[in-house]
Protein backbone atom coordinates (compact mmCIF):
# COMPACT_ATOMS: atom_id res chain seq x y z
CA UNK A 1 -33.22 -25.81 -18.52
CA UNK A 2 -32.70 -22.06 -18.64
CA UNK A 3 -29.37 -20.56 -19.65
CA UNK A 4 -28.81 -19.50 -16.04
CA UNK A 5 -29.46 -23.07 -14.84
CA UNK A 6 -27.05 -24.38 -17.48
CA UNK A 7 -24.32 -22.00 -16.31
CA UNK A 8 -24.81 -23.01 -12.68
CA UNK A 9 -24.83 -26.72 -13.58
CA UNK A 10 -21.73 -26.22 -15.70
CA UNK A 11 -20.00 -24.46 -12.82
CA UNK A 12 -21.02 -27.15 -10.30
CA UNK A 13 -20.47 -30.26 -12.41
CA UNK A 14 -17.98 -29.14 -15.04
CA UNK A 15 -20.68 -29.70 -17.65
CA UNK A 16 -24.45 -29.75 -17.83
CA UNK A 17 -25.76 -33.06 -16.46
CA UNK A 18 -27.10 -35.22 -19.27
CA UNK A 19 -29.40 -37.50 -17.28
CA UNK A 20 -33.16 -37.56 -17.53
CA UNK A 21 -35.79 -37.24 -14.82
CA UNK A 22 -36.59 -40.94 -15.17
CA UNK A 23 -32.92 -41.86 -14.70
CA UNK A 24 -32.74 -39.67 -11.61
CA UNK A 25 -35.85 -41.33 -10.18
CA UNK A 26 -34.35 -44.77 -10.81
CA UNK A 27 -31.13 -43.81 -9.02
CA UNK A 28 -32.90 -42.26 -6.04
CA UNK A 29 -35.21 -45.28 -5.73
CA UNK A 30 -32.20 -47.61 -5.90
CA UNK A 31 -30.57 -45.63 -3.10
CA UNK A 32 -33.78 -45.87 -1.06
CA UNK A 33 -33.89 -49.67 -1.51
CA UNK A 34 -30.21 -50.36 -0.86
CA UNK A 35 -29.26 -47.79 1.77
CA UNK A 36 -29.40 -48.78 5.43
CA UNK A 37 -30.36 -45.19 6.27
CA UNK A 38 -33.20 -43.00 5.05
CA UNK A 39 -32.26 -39.46 4.07
CA UNK A 40 -34.71 -36.58 3.89
CA UNK A 41 -32.70 -35.14 0.99
CA UNK A 42 -33.33 -38.26 -1.08
CA UNK A 43 -37.07 -38.01 -0.39
CA UNK A 44 -36.99 -34.33 -1.33
CA UNK A 45 -35.16 -34.99 -4.60
CA UNK A 46 -37.60 -37.76 -5.47
CA UNK A 47 -40.48 -35.36 -4.83
CA UNK A 48 -38.84 -32.74 -7.07
CA UNK A 49 -38.43 -35.31 -9.84
CA UNK A 50 -42.10 -36.27 -9.63
CA UNK A 51 -43.11 -32.60 -9.63
CA UNK A 52 -41.07 -32.16 -12.82
CA UNK A 53 -43.12 -35.02 -14.30
CA UNK A 54 -46.37 -33.37 -13.10
CA UNK A 55 -47.01 -36.40 -10.87
CA UNK A 56 -48.05 -34.38 -7.85
CA UNK A 57 -49.71 -37.21 -5.96
CA UNK A 58 -46.47 -39.22 -5.86
CA UNK A 59 -44.48 -36.08 -5.03
CA UNK A 60 -46.73 -35.36 -2.04
CA UNK A 61 -46.32 -38.98 -0.94
CA UNK A 62 -42.53 -38.62 -0.87
CA UNK A 63 -42.77 -35.32 1.00
CA UNK A 64 -45.09 -36.86 3.59
CA UNK A 65 -42.65 -39.73 4.06
CA UNK A 66 -39.83 -37.22 4.56
CA UNK A 67 -41.82 -35.51 7.30
CA UNK A 68 -42.01 -38.82 9.17
CA UNK A 69 -38.22 -39.22 9.31
CA UNK A 70 -36.39 -38.04 12.43
CA UNK A 71 -34.51 -34.76 12.23
CA UNK A 72 -30.76 -35.02 12.69
CA UNK A 73 -28.63 -32.35 14.35
CA UNK A 74 -26.78 -31.65 11.09
CA UNK A 75 -30.11 -30.89 9.36
CA UNK A 76 -31.09 -28.50 12.14
CA UNK A 77 -27.72 -26.76 11.91
CA UNK A 78 -28.17 -26.36 8.13
CA UNK A 79 -31.52 -24.67 8.65
CA UNK A 80 -30.23 -22.39 11.38
CA UNK A 81 -27.23 -21.25 9.29
CA UNK A 82 -29.42 -20.42 6.31
């Protein structure tokens, strides 16, 4: 993590997160299994984790799954505001 990333993480979280990519994947997968709803953000974060592990095939799989999910009005509004 670059010094800039550390400063941003410190500002956002109060300290630099100490978790690993594997721990993040486990938590996102647990959310996917236990949540009654599917969130595109969760799919995106899983893809980013797999990219960080250089597992591009799995990352693409999660991104393709995200594309299959319906778009909610709040997601559209986020895109339009940006």
